[in-house]
Amino acid sequence: MSRNADPLEILFAAAKAAQANAHAPYSNFRVGAALRTPEGALFCGGNVENAAYPEGWCAETSAIAAMAAAGARKIAEICVIGDGEALCTPCGGCRQRIREFADDRTIVHVAGPEGVRATFRLSALLPESFGPGHLRP
């Protein structure tokens, strides 16, 4: 990737690399996610399945955990990649996990192997969401 690469291309490439490392021996459906903080830091994760279903982690959860472990607390944008013809949007639980570290304007890119297929604001994927601000006066 060149120094002048588009930030979205970098995010997509990171998600694709994470997808390649996903642990999906049961479903064989590998998912990768990469997120960027407002400061430009990248964090990635792949889905991690577990024989004791449902103890696995989604790719978005893995990326968010890596971000939190590094001390970051804000998602500016995230890219999720999955194979197949359908859009691989974040599941409901991951939409809420993203919301914990984002707001309604946060960008969610959904990709396939060929590149980004759709881009949403989190508000379109999780309308009227409940977030940390609802707990504070």
Protein backbone atom coordinates (compact mmCIF):
# COMPACT_ATOMS: atom_id res chain seq x y z
CA MET A 1 0.00 0.00 0.00
CA SER A 2 1.52 3.34 -1.01
CA ARG A 3 1.92 6.29 1.34
CA ASN A 4 -0.73 8.13 -0.70
CA ALA A 5 -3.29 5.34 -0.42
CA ASP A 6 -6.87 6.35 0.17
CA PRO A 7 -7.83 6.00 3.88
CA LEU A 8 -10.79 3.82 2.92
CA GLU A 9 -8.50 1.54 0.88
CA ILE A 10 -6.25 1.18 3.93
CA LEU A 11 -9.26 0.38 6.14
CA PHE A 12 -10.53 -2.17 3.61
CA ALA A 13 -7.10 -3.82 3.30
CA ALA A 14 -6.84 -4.10 7.08
CA ALA A 15 -10.30 -5.67 7.31
CA LYS A 16 -9.42 -8.11 4.53
CA ALA A 17 -6.20 -9.11 6.32
CA ALA A 18 -8.14 -9.68 9.54
CA GLN A 19 -10.66 -11.78 7.61
CA ALA A 20 -7.85 -14.02 6.39
CA ASN A 21 -6.88 -14.69 10.01
CA ALA A 22 -10.41 -15.34 11.27
CA HIS A 23 -11.00 -18.59 13.18
CA ALA A 24 -14.13 -20.06 11.56
CA PRO A 25 -13.73 -23.86 11.54
CA TYR A 26 -17.45 -24.53 12.05
CA SER A 27 -19.20 -22.14 9.68
CA ASN A 28 -16.28 -21.54 7.31
CA PHE A 29 -17.64 -18.00 7.06
CA ARG A 30 -14.73 -15.70 7.76
CA VAL A 31 -15.46 -12.09 8.65
CA GLY A 32 -12.96 -9.29 9.18
CA ALA A 33 -13.35 -5.84 10.64
CA ALA A 34 -11.11 -2.82 10.85
CA LEU A 35 -11.92 0.39 12.62
CA ARG A 36 -10.30 3.80 12.69
CA THR A 37 -10.28 6.16 15.64
CA PRO A 38 -10.62 9.92 15.17
CA GLU A 39 -6.85 10.13 15.75
CA GLY A 40 -6.24 7.74 12.84
CA ALA A 41 -5.27 4.59 14.79
CA LEU A 42 -6.38 1.31 13.17
CA PHE A 43 -7.61 -1.75 15.04
CA CYS A 44 -8.60 -5.04 13.42
CA GLY A 45 -10.28 -8.28 14.32
CA GLY A 46 -11.65 -11.44 12.80
CA ASN A 47 -14.52 -13.60 13.93
CA VAL A 48 -13.46 -16.27 16.41
CA GLU A 49 -15.76 -19.27 16.57
CA ASN A 50 -15.84 -21.63 19.52
CA ALA A 51 -16.96 -25.26 19.83
CA ALA A 52 -19.08 -24.14 22.80
CA TYR A 53 -21.43 -22.08 20.65
CA PRO A 54 -22.37 -19.21 21.20
CA GLU A 55 -19.12 -18.33 22.96
CA GLY A 56 -17.46 -17.01 19.80
CA TRP A 57 -16.76 -13.40 18.94
CA CYS A 58 -17.79 -11.43 15.88
CA ALA A 59 -15.07 -9.61 13.94
CA GLU A 60 -16.40 -6.24 15.07
CA THR A 61 -16.25 -7.33 18.70
CA SER A 62 -12.64 -8.45 18.25
CA ALA A 63 -11.65 -5.11 16.68
CA ILE A 64 -13.43 -3.13 19.41
CA ALA A 65 -11.71 -5.22 22.10
CA ALA A 66 -8.31 -4.49 20.52
CA MET A 67 -9.15 -0.79 20.46
CA ALA A 68 -10.26 -0.74 24.09
CA ALA A 69 -7.20 -2.74 25.18
CA ALA A 70 -5.01 -0.06 23.59
CA GLY A 71 -6.83 2.65 25.54
CA ALA A 72 -8.82 4.17 22.67
CA ARG A 73 -12.51 4.88 23.22
CA LYS A 74 -13.94 6.34 19.99
CA ILE A 75 -14.74 4.84 16.58
CA ALA A 76 -14.73 7.24 13.63
CA GLU A 77 -15.44 4.59 10.99
CA ILE A 78 -15.45 0.82 10.62
CA CYS A 79 -15.25 -1.58 7.68
CA VAL A 80 -16.71 -5.10 7.85
CA ILE A 81 -15.92 -7.68 5.17
CA GLY A 82 -17.54 -11.03 4.47
CA ASP A 83 -17.73 -13.36 1.50
CA GLY A 84 -20.87 -14.18 -0.47
CA GLU A 85 -23.26 -12.05 -2.46
CA ALA A 86 -25.31 -10.62 0.41
CA LEU A 87 -24.20 -7.62 2.42
CA CYS A 88 -22.38 -8.71 5.59
CA THR A 89 -23.66 -5.96 7.88
CA PRO A 90 -22.91 -6.03 11.61
CA CYS A 91 -25.30 -8.16 13.64
CA GLY A 92 -27.60 -6.46 16.13
CA GLY A 93 -25.26 -7.06 19.05
CA CYS A 94 -22.31 -5.59 17.16
CA ARG A 95 -24.36 -2.57 16.11
CA GLN A 96 -24.91 -1.88 19.79
CA ARG A 97 -21.22 -2.52 20.59
CA ILE A 98 -20.21 -0.05 17.88
CA ARG A 99 -22.69 2.45 19.31
CA GLU A 100 -21.00 2.21 22.71
CA PHE A 101 -17.91 3.84 21.17
CA ALA A 102 -19.55 5.86 18.40
CA ASP A 103 -22.48 8.09 17.62
CA ASP A 104 -25.23 8.18 15.02
CA ARG A 105 -22.92 9.81 12.46
CA THR A 106 -20.26 7.08 12.60
CA ILE A 107 -19.59 5.56 9.19
CA VAL A 108 -19.99 1.79 8.67
CA HIS A 109 -18.59 0.38 5.41
CA VAL A 110 -19.76 -3.08 4.33
CA ALA A 111 -17.45 -4.93 1.95
CA GLY A 112 -17.04 -8.08 -0.07
CA PRO A 113 -13.79 -9.49 -1.45
CA GLU A 114 -13.88 -7.01 -4.35
CA GLY A 115 -14.22 -3.91 -2.19
CA VAL A 116 -16.74 -1.75 -0.38
CA ARG A 117 -20.31 -2.55 -1.40
CA ALA A 118 -22.25 -0.08 0.75
CA THR A 119 -21.68 2.69 3.26
CA PHE A 120 -24.09 3.58 6.03
CA ARG A 121 -24.25 5.93 8.96
CA LEU A 122 -24.73 4.00 12.17
CA SER A 123 -28.10 5.73 12.56
CA ALA A 124 -29.36 3.86 9.48
CA LEU A 125 -28.30 0.50 10.93
CA LEU A 126 -29.39 1.23 14.50
CA PRO A 127 -32.11 3.89 14.44
CA GLU A 128 -33.13 5.59 17.68
CA SER A 129 -30.17 3.92 19.36
CA PHE A 130 -29.46 3.80 23.08
CA GLY A 131 -25.96 4.89 24.01
CA PRO A 132 -23.83 6.00 26.95
CA GLY A 133 -25.27 9.52 26.78
CA HIS A 134 -28.65 8.17 27.83
CA LEU A 135 -27.17 7.14 31.18
CA ARG A 136 -25.75 10.55 32.04
CA PRO A 137 -27.75 13.62 33.04
